[in-house]
Amino acid sequence: MLIAARDFLRLGLDDLFVVAREFFNPRLSRSGLNRMLKQRGVATLVKLARRDSGDEGKPRHKPCKDYEPSYEHIDIKHLPQMPDEKQKRYLYVAIDRATR
């Protein structure tokens, strides 16, 4: 019954907990309800929303591009000049993209 309420009404855990304590078991704990839902494989609200919109199988972000070793990325940063310094300072950062 609780699983059907979760699927049909899209109740969050807290709302489902209130309903379960009121109508099913007044000694039920929130963590017990959460464990029961996980054991039975009930989808979270986020998964239910993804399933409805159709992007359940799509990856959330693109994978990183593979680079050959020794492909380096170099950044040059200008550091702020302190009042007691006479010359500008720079920071050079080189990263091998394949191994990081």
PDB file of N, CA and C in Angstrom:
ATOM      1  N   MET A   1       0.805  -1.188   0.000  1.00  0.00           N
ATOM      2  CA  MET A   1       0.000   0.000   0.000  1.00  0.00           C
ATOM      3  C   MET A   1       0.856   1.265   0.000  1.00  0.00           C
ATOM      4  N   LEU A   2       1.915   1.260   0.815  1.00  0.00           N
ATOM      5  CA  LEU A   2       2.806   2.418   0.859  1.00  0.00           C
ATOM      6  C   LEU A   2       3.559   2.599  -0.451  1.00  0.00           C
ATOM      7  N   ILE A   3       3.920   1.483  -1.057  1.00  0.00           N
ATOM      8  CA  ILE A   3       4.635   1.554  -2.328  1.00  0.00           C
ATOM      9  C   ILE A   3       3.732   2.138  -3.404  1.00  0.00           C
ATOM     10  N   ALA A   4       2.473   1.756  -3.405  1.00  0.00           N
ATOM     11  CA  ALA A   4       1.526   2.320  -4.371  1.00  0.00           C
ATOM     12  C   ALA A   4       1.322   3.804  -4.123  1.00  0.00           C
ATOM     13  N   ALA A   5       1.292   4.207  -2.856  1.00  0.00           N
ATOM     14  CA  ALA A   5       1.156   5.633  -2.535  1.00  0.00           C
ATOM     15  C   ALA A   5       2.375   6.412  -3.015  1.00  0.00           C
ATOM     16  N   ARG A   6       3.536   5.801  -2.883  1.00  0.00           N
ATOM     17  CA  ARG A   6       4.760   6.477  -3.338  1.00  0.00           C
ATOM     18  C   ARG A   6       4.733   6.669  -4.849  1.00  0.00           C
ATOM     19  N   ASP A   7       4.326   5.634  -5.583  1.00  0.00           N
ATOM     20  CA  ASP A   7       4.295   5.717  -7.040  1.00  0.00           C
ATOM     21  C   ASP A   7       3.180   6.630  -7.554  1.00  0.00           C
ATOM     22  N   PHE A   8       2.005   6.505  -6.984  1.00  0.00           N
ATOM     23  CA  PHE A   8       0.861   7.234  -7.514  1.00  0.00           C
ATOM     24  C   PHE A   8       0.820   8.686  -7.046  1.00  0.00           C
ATOM     25  N   LEU A   9       1.008   8.904  -5.750  1.00  0.00           N
ATOM     26  CA  LEU A   9       0.887  10.256  -5.198  1.00  0.00           C
ATOM     27  C   LEU A   9       2.204  11.031  -5.196  1.00  0.00           C
ATOM     28  N   ARG A  10       3.295  10.349  -5.432  1.00  0.00           N
ATOM     29  CA  ARG A  10       4.635  10.968  -5.424  1.00  0.00           C
ATOM     30  C   ARG A  10       4.916  11.634  -4.085  1.00  0.00           C
ATOM     31  N   LEU A  11       4.644  10.901  -3.016  1.00  0.00           N
ATOM     32  CA  LEU A  11       4.889  11.429  -1.686  1.00  0.00           C
ATOM     33  C   LEU A  11       6.362  11.283  -1.332  1.00  0.00           C
ATOM     34  N   GLY A  12       6.911  12.318  -0.733  1.00  0.00           N
ATOM     35  CA  GLY A  12       8.271  12.255  -0.233  1.00  0.00           C
ATOM     36  C   GLY A  12       8.324  11.388   1.018  1.00  0.00           C
ATOM     37  N   LEU A  13       9.529  11.130   1.507  1.00  0.00           N
ATOM     38  CA  LEU A  13       9.691  10.235   2.659  1.00  0.00           C
ATOM     39  C   LEU A  13       8.981  10.783   3.888  1.00  0.00           C
ATOM     40  N   ASP A  14       9.093  12.076   4.145  1.00  0.00           N
ATOM     41  CA  ASP A  14       8.457  12.647   5.328  1.00  0.00           C
ATOM     42  C   ASP A  14       6.930  12.562   5.245  1.00  0.00           C
ATOM     43  N   ASP A  15       6.373  12.885   4.089  1.00  0.00           N
ATOM     44  CA  ASP A  15       4.920  12.807   3.919  1.00  0.00           C
ATOM     45  C   ASP A  15       4.431  11.357   4.008  1.00  0.00           C
ATOM     46  N   LEU A  16       5.179  10.459   3.411  1.00  0.00           N
ATOM     47  CA  LEU A  16       4.827   9.045   3.466  1.00  0.00           C
ATOM     48  C   LEU A  16       4.915   8.523   4.900  1.00  0.00           C
ATOM     49  N   PHE A  17       5.874   9.038   5.643  1.00  0.00           N
ATOM     50  CA  PHE A  17       6.044   8.651   7.045  1.00  0.00           C
ATOM     51  C   PHE A  17       4.829   9.070   7.879  1.00  0.00           C
ATOM     52  N   VAL A  18       4.328  10.274   7.652  1.00  0.00           N
ATOM     53  CA  VAL A  18       3.145  10.753   8.376  1.00  0.00           C
ATOM     54  C   VAL A  18       1.938   9.860   8.076  1.00  0.00           C
ATOM     55  N   VAL A  19       1.756   9.533   6.805  1.00  0.00           N
ATOM     56  CA  VAL A  19       0.635   8.677   6.411  1.00  0.00           C
ATOM     57  C   VAL A  19       0.783   7.285   7.027  1.00  0.00           C
ATOM     58  N   ALA A  20       1.990   6.729   6.992  1.00  0.00           N
ATOM     59  CA  ALA A  20       2.210   5.379   7.507  1.00  0.00           C
ATOM     60  C   ALA A  20       1.980   5.313   9.013  1.00  0.00           C
ATOM     61  N   ARG A  21       2.417   6.332   9.743  1.00  0.00           N
ATOM     62  CA  ARG A  21       2.196   6.331  11.196  1.00  0.00           C
ATOM     63  C   ARG A  21       0.728   6.512  11.537  1.00  0.00           C
ATOM     64  N   GLU A  22       0.040   7.323  10.772  1.00  0.00           N
ATOM     65  CA  GLU A  22      -1.363   7.603  11.058  1.00  0.00           C
ATOM     66  C   GLU A  22      -2.255   6.397  10.778  1.00  0.00           C
ATOM     67  N   PHE A  23      -2.010   5.707   9.666  1.00  0.00           N
ATOM     68  CA  PHE A  23      -2.953   4.680   9.227  1.00  0.00           C
ATOM     69  C   PHE A  23      -2.453   3.242   9.371  1.00  0.00           C
ATOM     70  N   PHE A  24      -1.155   3.018   9.480  1.00  0.00           N
ATOM     71  CA  PHE A  24      -0.651   1.646   9.493  1.00  0.00           C
ATOM     72  C   PHE A  24      -0.021   1.237  10.816  1.00  0.00           C
ATOM     73  N   ASN A  25       0.987   1.979  11.264  1.00  0.00           N
ATOM     74  CA  ASN A  25       1.714   1.558  12.458  1.00  0.00           C
ATOM     75  C   ASN A  25       2.206   2.798  13.205  1.00  0.00           C
ATOM     76  N   PRO A  26       1.617   3.113  14.362  1.00  0.00           N
ATOM     77  CA  PRO A  26       2.023   4.316  15.084  1.00  0.00           C
ATOM     78  C   PRO A  26       3.424   4.221  15.690  1.00  0.00           C
ATOM     79  N   ARG A  27       3.991   3.008  15.770  1.00  0.00           N
ATOM     80  CA  ARG A  27       5.346   2.857  16.322  1.00  0.00           C
ATOM     81  C   ARG A  27       6.422   2.847  15.239  1.00  0.00           C
ATOM     82  N   LEU A  28       6.064   3.079  14.003  1.00  0.00           N
ATOM     83  CA  LEU A  28       7.014   3.071  12.885  1.00  0.00           C
ATOM     84  C   LEU A  28       7.990   4.247  13.000  1.00  0.00           C
ATOM     85  N   SER A  29       9.247   4.002  12.700  1.00  0.00           N
ATOM     86  CA  SER A  29      10.237   5.085  12.690  1.00  0.00           C
ATOM     87  C   SER A  29      10.519   5.499  11.252  1.00  0.00           C
ATOM     88  N   ARG A  30      11.011   6.707  11.105  1.00  0.00           N
ATOM     89  CA  ARG A  30      11.325   7.226   9.761  1.00  0.00           C
ATOM     90  C   ARG A  30      12.429   6.392   9.116  1.00  0.00           C
ATOM     91  N   SER A  31      13.454   6.061   9.895  1.00  0.00           N
ATOM     92  CA  SER A  31      14.548   5.256   9.344  1.00  0.00           C
ATOM     93  C   SER A  31      14.075   3.852   8.985  1.00  0.00           C
ATOM     94  N   GLY A  32      13.150   3.303   9.771  1.00  0.00           N
ATOM     95  CA  GLY A  32      12.593   1.993   9.442  1.00  0.00           C
ATOM     96  C   GLY A  32      11.824   2.017   8.133  1.00  0.00           C
ATOM     97  N   LEU A  33      11.056   3.082   7.940  1.00  0.00           N
ATOM     98  CA  LEU A  33      10.327   3.228   6.676  1.00  0.00           C
ATOM     99  C   LEU A  33      11.297   3.348   5.504  1.00  0.00           C
ATOM    100  N   ASN A  34      12.347   4.128   5.682  1.00  0.00           N
ATOM    101  CA  ASN A  34      13.339   4.301   4.617  1.00  0.00           C
ATOM    102  C   ASN A  34      14.020   2.972   4.292  1.00  0.00           C
ATOM    103  N   ARG A  35      14.387   2.195   5.328  1.00  0.00           N
ATOM    104  CA  ARG A  35      15.004   0.879   5.102  1.00  0.00           C
ATOM    105  C   ARG A  35      14.055  -0.047   4.360  1.00  0.00           C
ATOM    106  N   MET A  36      12.773  -0.027   4.730  1.00  0.00           N
ATOM    107  CA  MET A  36      11.789  -0.882   4.075  1.00  0.00           C
ATOM    108  C   MET A  36      11.659  -0.520   2.590  1.00  0.00           C
ATOM    109  N   LEU A  37      11.619   0.766   2.289  1.00  0.00           N
ATOM    110  CA  LEU A  37      11.511   1.186   0.889  1.00  0.00           C
ATOM    111  C   LEU A  37      12.747   0.772   0.088  1.00  0.00           C
ATOM    112  N   LYS A  38      13.929   0.920   0.689  1.00  0.00           N
ATOM    113  CA  LYS A  38      15.168   0.528  -0.011  1.00  0.00           C
ATOM    114  C   LYS A  38      15.228  -0.981  -0.233  1.00  0.00           C
ATOM    115  N   GLN A  39      14.821  -1.768   0.775  1.00  0.00           N
ATOM    116  CA  GLN A  39      14.848  -3.227   0.645  1.00  0.00           C
ATOM    117  C   GLN A  39      13.937  -3.710  -0.470  1.00  0.00           C
ATOM    118  N   ARG A  40      12.844  -3.028  -0.683  1.00  0.00           N
ATOM    119  CA  ARG A  40      11.898  -3.435  -1.712  1.00  0.00           C
ATOM    120  C   ARG A  40      12.183  -2.787  -3.057  1.00  0.00           C
ATOM    121  N   GLY A  41      13.244  -1.986  -3.136  1.00  0.00           N
ATOM    122  CA  GLY A  41      13.661  -1.392  -4.402  1.00  0.00           C
ATOM    123  C   GLY A  41      12.739  -0.303  -4.908  1.00  0.00           C
ATOM    124  N   VAL A  42      12.079   0.405  -3.993  1.00  0.00           N
ATOM    125  CA  VAL A  42      11.178   1.482  -4.390  1.00  0.00           C
ATOM    126  C   VAL A  42      12.015   2.680  -4.825  1.00  0.00           C
ATOM    127  N   ALA A  43      11.679   3.238  -5.964  1.00  0.00           N
ATOM    128  CA  ALA A  43      12.458   4.342  -6.521  1.00  0.00           C
ATOM    129  C   ALA A  43      12.269   5.612  -5.699  1.00  0.00           C
ATOM    130  N   THR A  44      13.327   6.422  -5.645  1.00  0.00           N
ATOM    131  CA  THR A  44      13.224   7.718  -4.996  1.00  0.00           C
ATOM    132  C   THR A  44      12.438   8.665  -5.897  1.00  0.00           C
ATOM    133  N   LEU A  45      12.060   9.820  -5.364  1.00  0.00           N
ATOM    134  CA  LEU A  45      11.290  10.774  -6.161  1.00  0.00           C
ATOM    135  C   LEU A  45      12.087  11.273  -7.361  1.00  0.00           C
ATOM    136  N   VAL A  46      13.393  11.405  -7.204  1.00  0.00           N
ATOM    137  CA  VAL A  46      14.238  11.849  -8.322  1.00  0.00           C
ATOM    138  C   VAL A  46      14.223  10.806  -9.437  1.00  0.00           C
ATOM    139  N   LYS A  47      14.344   9.539  -9.077  1.00  0.00           N
ATOM    140  CA  LYS A  47      14.322   8.471 -10.086  1.00  0.00           C
ATOM    141  C   LYS A  47      12.956   8.373 -10.756  1.00  0.00           C
ATOM    142  N   LEU A  48      11.897   8.580  -9.978  1.00  0.00           N
ATOM    143  CA  LEU A  48      10.562   8.560 -10.570  1.00  0.00           C
ATOM    144  C   LEU A  48      10.381   9.704 -11.563  1.00  0.00           C
ATOM    145  N   ALA A  49      10.902  10.880 -11.238  1.00  0.00           N
ATOM    146  CA  ALA A  49      10.804  12.021 -12.146  1.00  0.00           C
ATOM    147  C   ALA A  49      11.606  11.782 -13.417  1.00  0.00           C
ATOM    148  N   ARG A  50      12.799  11.171 -13.288  1.00  0.00           N
ATOM    149  CA  ARG A  50      13.606  10.860 -14.474  1.00  0.00           C
ATOM    150  C   ARG A  50      12.909   9.828 -15.353  1.00  0.00           C
ATOM    151  N   ARG A  51      12.281   8.835 -14.701  1.00  0.00           N
ATOM    152  CA  ARG A  51      11.582   7.795 -15.454  1.00  0.00           C
ATOM    153  C   ARG A  51      10.411   8.393 -16.230  1.00  0.00           C
ATOM    154  N   ASP A  52       9.713   9.359 -15.636  1.00  0.00           N
ATOM    155  CA  ASP A  52       8.588   9.998 -16.313  1.00  0.00           C
ATOM    156  C   ASP A  52       9.031  10.877 -17.470  1.00  0.00           C
ATOM    157  N   SER A  53      10.181  11.553 -17.307  1.00  0.00           N
ATOM    158  CA  SER A  53      10.636  12.453 -18.364  1.00  0.00           C
ATOM    159  C   SER A  53      11.379  11.719 -19.480  1.00  0.00           C
ATOM    160  N   GLY A  54      11.787  10.479 -19.244  1.00  0.00           N
ATOM    161  CA  GLY A  54      12.405   9.686 -20.298  1.00  0.00           C
ATOM    162  C   GLY A  54      13.913   9.776 -20.357  1.00  0.00           C
ATOM    163  N   ASP A  55      14.600  10.480 -19.430  1.00  0.00           N
ATOM    164  CA  ASP A  55      16.063  10.521 -19.490  1.00  0.00           C
ATOM    165  C   ASP A  55      16.688   9.631 -18.434  1.00  0.00           C
ATOM    166  N   GLU A  56      16.091   8.493 -18.165  1.00  0.00           N
ATOM    167  CA  GLU A  56      16.643   7.591 -17.167  1.00  0.00           C
ATOM    168  C   GLU A  56      17.939   6.942 -17.654  1.00  0.00           C
ATOM    169  N   GLY A  57      18.030   6.616 -18.938  1.00  0.00           N
ATOM    170  CA  GLY A  57      19.205   5.938 -19.450  1.00  0.00           C
ATOM    171  C   GLY A  57      20.322   6.860 -19.899  1.00  0.00           C
ATOM    172  N   LYS A  58      20.068   8.153 -19.987  1.00  0.00           N
ATOM    173  CA  LYS A  58      21.083   9.089 -20.463  1.00  0.00           C
ATOM    174  C   LYS A  58      22.087   9.409 -19.367  1.00  0.00           C
ATOM    175  N   PRO A  59      23.376   9.507 -19.719  1.00  0.00           N
ATOM    176  CA  PRO A  59      24.350   9.905 -18.699  1.00  0.00           C
ATOM    177  C   PRO A  59      24.153  11.369 -18.311  1.00  0.00           C
ATOM    178  N   ARG A  60      24.438  11.689 -17.057  1.00  0.00           N
ATOM    179  CA  ARG A  60      24.225  13.042 -16.570  1.00  0.00           C
ATOM    180  C   ARG A  60      25.257  14.014 -17.126  1.00  0.00           C
ATOM    181  N   HIS A  61      26.508  13.600 -17.308  1.00  0.00           N
ATOM    182  CA  HIS A  61      27.503  14.454 -17.942  1.00  0.00           C
ATOM    183  C   HIS A  61      28.340  13.628 -18.905  1.00  0.00           C
ATOM    184  N   LYS A  62      28.987  14.346 -19.805  1.00  0.00           N
ATOM    185  CA  LYS A  62      29.802  13.655 -20.793  1.00  0.00           C
ATOM    186  C   LYS A  62      31.077  13.152 -20.126  1.00  0.00           C
ATOM    187  N   PRO A  63      31.581  11.994 -20.546  1.00  0.00           N
ATOM    188  CA  PRO A  63      32.850  11.520 -19.986  1.00  0.00           C
ATOM    189  C   PRO A  63      34.004  12.388 -20.471  1.00  0.00           C
ATOM    190  N   CYS A  64      35.071  12.387 -19.707  1.00  0.00           N
ATOM    191  CA  CYS A  64      36.250  13.173 -20.070  1.00  0.00           C
ATOM    192  C   CYS A  64      36.899  12.589 -21.324  1.00  0.00           C
ATOM    193  N   LYS A  65      37.474  13.464 -22.112  1.00  0.00           N
ATOM    194  CA  LYS A  65      38.156  13.035 -23.328  1.00  0.00           C
ATOM    195  C   LYS A  65      39.467  12.358 -22.946  1.00  0.00           C
ATOM    196  N   ASP A  66      39.798  11.276 -23.638  1.00  0.00           N
ATOM    197  CA  ASP A  66      41.064  10.587 -23.392  1.00  0.00           C
ATOM    198  C   ASP A  66      42.174  11.269 -24.174  1.00  0.00           C
ATOM    199  N   TYR A  67      43.279  11.514 -23.505  1.00  0.00           N
ATOM    200  CA  TYR A  67      44.448  12.113 -24.128  1.00  0.00           C
ATOM    201  C   TYR A  67      45.611  11.140 -24.057  1.00  0.00           C
ATOM    202  N   GLU A  68      46.519  11.268 -24.998  1.00  0.00           N
ATOM    203  CA  GLU A  68      47.735  10.470 -24.948  1.00  0.00           C
ATOM    204  C   GLU A  68      48.654  11.062 -23.887  1.00  0.00           C
ATOM    205  N   PRO A  69      49.478  10.219 -23.250  1.00  0.00           N
ATOM    206  CA  PRO A  69      50.423  10.758 -22.258  1.00  0.00           C
ATOM    207  C   PRO A  69      51.322  11.824 -22.888  1.00  0.00           C
ATOM    208  N   SER A  70      51.725  12.745 -22.080  1.00  0.00           N
ATOM    209  CA  SER A  70      52.582  13.888 -22.411  1.00  0.00           C
ATOM    210  C   SER A  70      51.831  15.005 -23.139  1.00  0.00           C
ATOM    211  N   TYR A  71      50.498  14.979 -23.150  1.00  0.00           N
ATOM    212  CA  TYR A  71      49.721  16.105 -23.640  1.00  0.00           C
ATOM    213  C   TYR A  71      49.531  17.024 -22.450  1.00  0.00           C
ATOM    214  N   GLU A  72      50.182  18.174 -22.484  1.00  0.00           N
ATOM    215  CA  GLU A  72      50.197  19.046 -21.318  1.00  0.00           C
ATOM    216  C   GLU A  72      49.357  20.288 -21.517  1.00  0.00           C
ATOM    217  N   HIS A  73      48.776  20.709 -20.429  1.00  0.00           N
ATOM    218  CA  HIS A  73      48.003  21.944 -20.390  1.00  0.00           C
ATOM    219  C   HIS A  73      48.765  22.901 -19.481  1.00  0.00           C
ATOM    220  N   ILE A  74      49.045  24.111 -19.968  1.00  0.00           N
ATOM    221  CA  ILE A  74      49.834  25.073 -19.194  1.00  0.00           C
ATOM    222  C   ILE A  74      49.004  26.319 -18.948  1.00  0.00           C
ATOM    223  N   ASP A  75      48.941  26.731 -17.692  1.00  0.00           N
ATOM    224  CA  ASP A  75      48.273  27.963 -17.294  1.00  0.00           C
ATOM    225  C   ASP A  75      49.300  28.925 -16.728  1.00  0.00           C
ATOM    226  N   ILE A  76      49.101  30.199 -17.015  1.00  0.00           N
ATOM    227  CA  ILE A  76      49.935  31.247 -16.436  1.00  0.00           C
ATOM    228  C   ILE A  76      49.003  32.201 -15.696  1.00  0.00           C
ATOM    229  N   LYS A  77      49.254  32.374 -14.415  1.00  0.00           N
ATOM    230  CA  LYS A  77      48.424  33.242 -13.589  1.00  0.00           C
ATOM    231  C   LYS A  77      49.257  34.423 -13.086  1.00  0.00           C
ATOM    232  N   HIS A  78      48.669  35.587 -13.173  1.00  0.00           N
ATOM    233  CA  HIS A  78      49.315  36.793 -12.637  1.00  0.00           C
ATOM    234  C   HIS A  78      48.933  36.894 -11.167  1.00  0.00           C
ATOM    235  N   LEU A  79      49.913  36.905 -10.285  1.00  0.00           N
ATOM    236  CA  LEU A  79      49.649  36.995  -8.859  1.00  0.00           C
ATOM    237  C   LEU A  79      49.522  38.458  -8.453  1.00  0.00           C
ATOM    238  N   PRO A  80      48.708  38.749  -7.473  1.00  0.00           N
ATOM    239  CA  PRO A  80      48.567  40.148  -7.050  1.00  0.00           C
ATOM    240  C   PRO A  80      49.876  40.682  -6.464  1.00  0.00           C
ATOM    241  N   GLN A  81      50.134  41.929  -6.740  1.00  0.00           N
ATOM    242  CA  GLN A  81      51.376  42.550  -6.279  1.00  0.00           C
ATOM    243  C   GLN A  81      51.163  43.116  -4.885  1.00  0.00           C
ATOM    244  N   MET A  82      52.015  42.726  -3.975  1.00  0.00           N
ATOM    245  CA  MET A  82      51.931  43.207  -2.601  1.00  0.00           C
ATOM    246  C   MET A  82      52.539  44.609  -2.522  1.00  0.00           C
ATOM    247  N   PRO A  83      52.131  45.396  -1.560  1.00  0.00           N
ATOM    248  CA  PRO A  83      52.626  46.784  -1.492  1.00  0.00           C
ATOM    249  C   PRO A  83      54.143  46.907  -1.357  1.00  0.00           C
ATOM    250  N   ASP A  84      54.801  45.943  -0.734  1.00  0.00           N
ATOM    251  CA  ASP A  84      56.250  46.041  -0.540  1.00  0.00           C
ATOM    252  C   ASP A  84      57.064  45.426  -1.682  1.00  0.00           C
ATOM    253  N   GLU A  85      56.411  44.921  -2.731  1.00  0.00           N
ATOM    254  CA  GLU A  85      57.121  44.290  -3.850  1.00  0.00           C
ATOM    255  C   GLU A  85      57.290  45.265  -4.995  1.00  0.00           C
ATOM    256  N   LYS A  86      58.399  45.109  -5.706  1.00  0.00           N
ATOM    257  CA  LYS A  86      58.722  45.993  -6.827  1.00  0.00           C
ATOM    258  C   LYS A  86      58.370  45.385  -8.181  1.00  0.00           C
ATOM    259  N   GLN A  87      58.331  44.080  -8.270  1.00  0.00           N
ATOM    260  CA  GLN A  87      58.098  43.442  -9.566  1.00  0.00           C
ATOM    261  C   GLN A  87      56.860  42.546  -9.535  1.00  0.00           C
ATOM    262  N   LYS A  88      56.350  42.248 -10.723  1.00  0.00           N
ATOM    263  CA  LYS A  88      55.178  41.379 -10.834  1.00  0.00           C
ATOM    264  C   LYS A  88      55.590  39.926 -10.644  1.00  0.00           C
ATOM    265  N   ARG A  89      54.638  39.126 -10.148  1.00  0.00           N
ATOM    266  CA  ARG A  89      54.904  37.706  -9.953  1.00  0.00           C
ATOM    267  C   ARG A  89      53.903  36.908 -10.778  1.00  0.00           C
ATOM    268  N   TYR A  90      54.361  35.758 -11.280  1.00  0.00           N
ATOM    269  CA  TYR A  90      53.517  34.881 -12.083  1.00  0.00           C
ATOM    270  C   TYR A  90      53.592  33.475 -11.526  1.00  0.00           C
ATOM    271  N   LEU A  91      52.523  32.727 -11.742  1.00  0.00           N
ATOM    272  CA  LEU A  91      52.482  31.339 -11.338  1.00  0.00           C
ATOM    273  C   LEU A  91      52.273  30.514 -12.601  1.00  0.00           C
ATOM    274  N   TYR A  92      53.161  29.569 -12.844  1.00  0.00           N
ATOM    275  CA  TYR A  92      53.062  28.693 -14.005  1.00  0.00           C
ATOM    276  C   TYR A  92      52.622  27.311 -13.518  1.00  0.00           C
ATOM    277  N   VAL A  93      51.563  26.781 -14.119  1.00  0.00           N
ATOM    278  CA  VAL A  93      51.054  25.461 -13.752  1.00  0.00           C
ATOM    279  C   VAL A  93      50.975  24.626 -15.021  1.00  0.00           C
ATOM    280  N   ALA A  94      51.628  23.475 -15.008  1.00  0.00           N
ATOM    281  CA  ALA A  94      51.585  22.550 -16.141  1.00  0.00           C
ATOM    282  C   ALA A  94      50.986  21.233 -15.659  1.00  0.00           C
ATOM    283  N   ILE A  95      49.983  20.739 -16.379  1.00  0.00           N
ATOM    284  CA  ILE A  95      49.309  19.493 -16.007  1.00  0.00           C
ATOM    285  C   ILE A  95      49.319  18.569 -17.220  1.00  0.00           C
ATOM    286  N   ASP A  96      49.777  17.342 -16.990  1.00  0.00           N
ATOM    287  CA  ASP A  96      49.709  16.318 -18.017  1.00  0.00           C
ATOM    288  C   ASP A  96      48.267  15.809 -18.017  1.00  0.00           C
ATOM    289  N   ARG A  97      47.531  16.051 -19.084  1.00  0.00           N
ATOM    290  CA  ARG A  97      46.097  15.755 -19.107  1.00  0.00           C
ATOM    291  C   ARG A  97      45.797  14.264 -19.054  1.00  0.00           C
ATOM    292  N   ALA A  98      46.713  13.442 -19.505  1.00  0.00           N
ATOM    293  CA  ALA A  98      46.444  12.001 -19.504  1.00  0.00           C
ATOM    294  C   ALA A  98      46.521  11.420 -18.107  1.00  0.00           C
ATOM    295  N   THR A  99      47.492  11.830 -17.330  1.00  0.00           N
ATOM    296  CA  THR A  99      47.698  11.236 -16.000  1.00  0.00           C
ATOM    297  C   THR A  99      47.298  12.167 -14.869  1.00  0.00           C
ATOM    298  N   ARG A 100      47.186  13.442 -15.139  1.00  0.00           N
ATOM    299  CA  ARG A 100      46.841  14.462 -14.151  1.00  0.00           C
ATOM    300  C   ARG A 100      47.725  14.368 -12.953  1.00  0.00           C
TER     301      ARG A 100
END
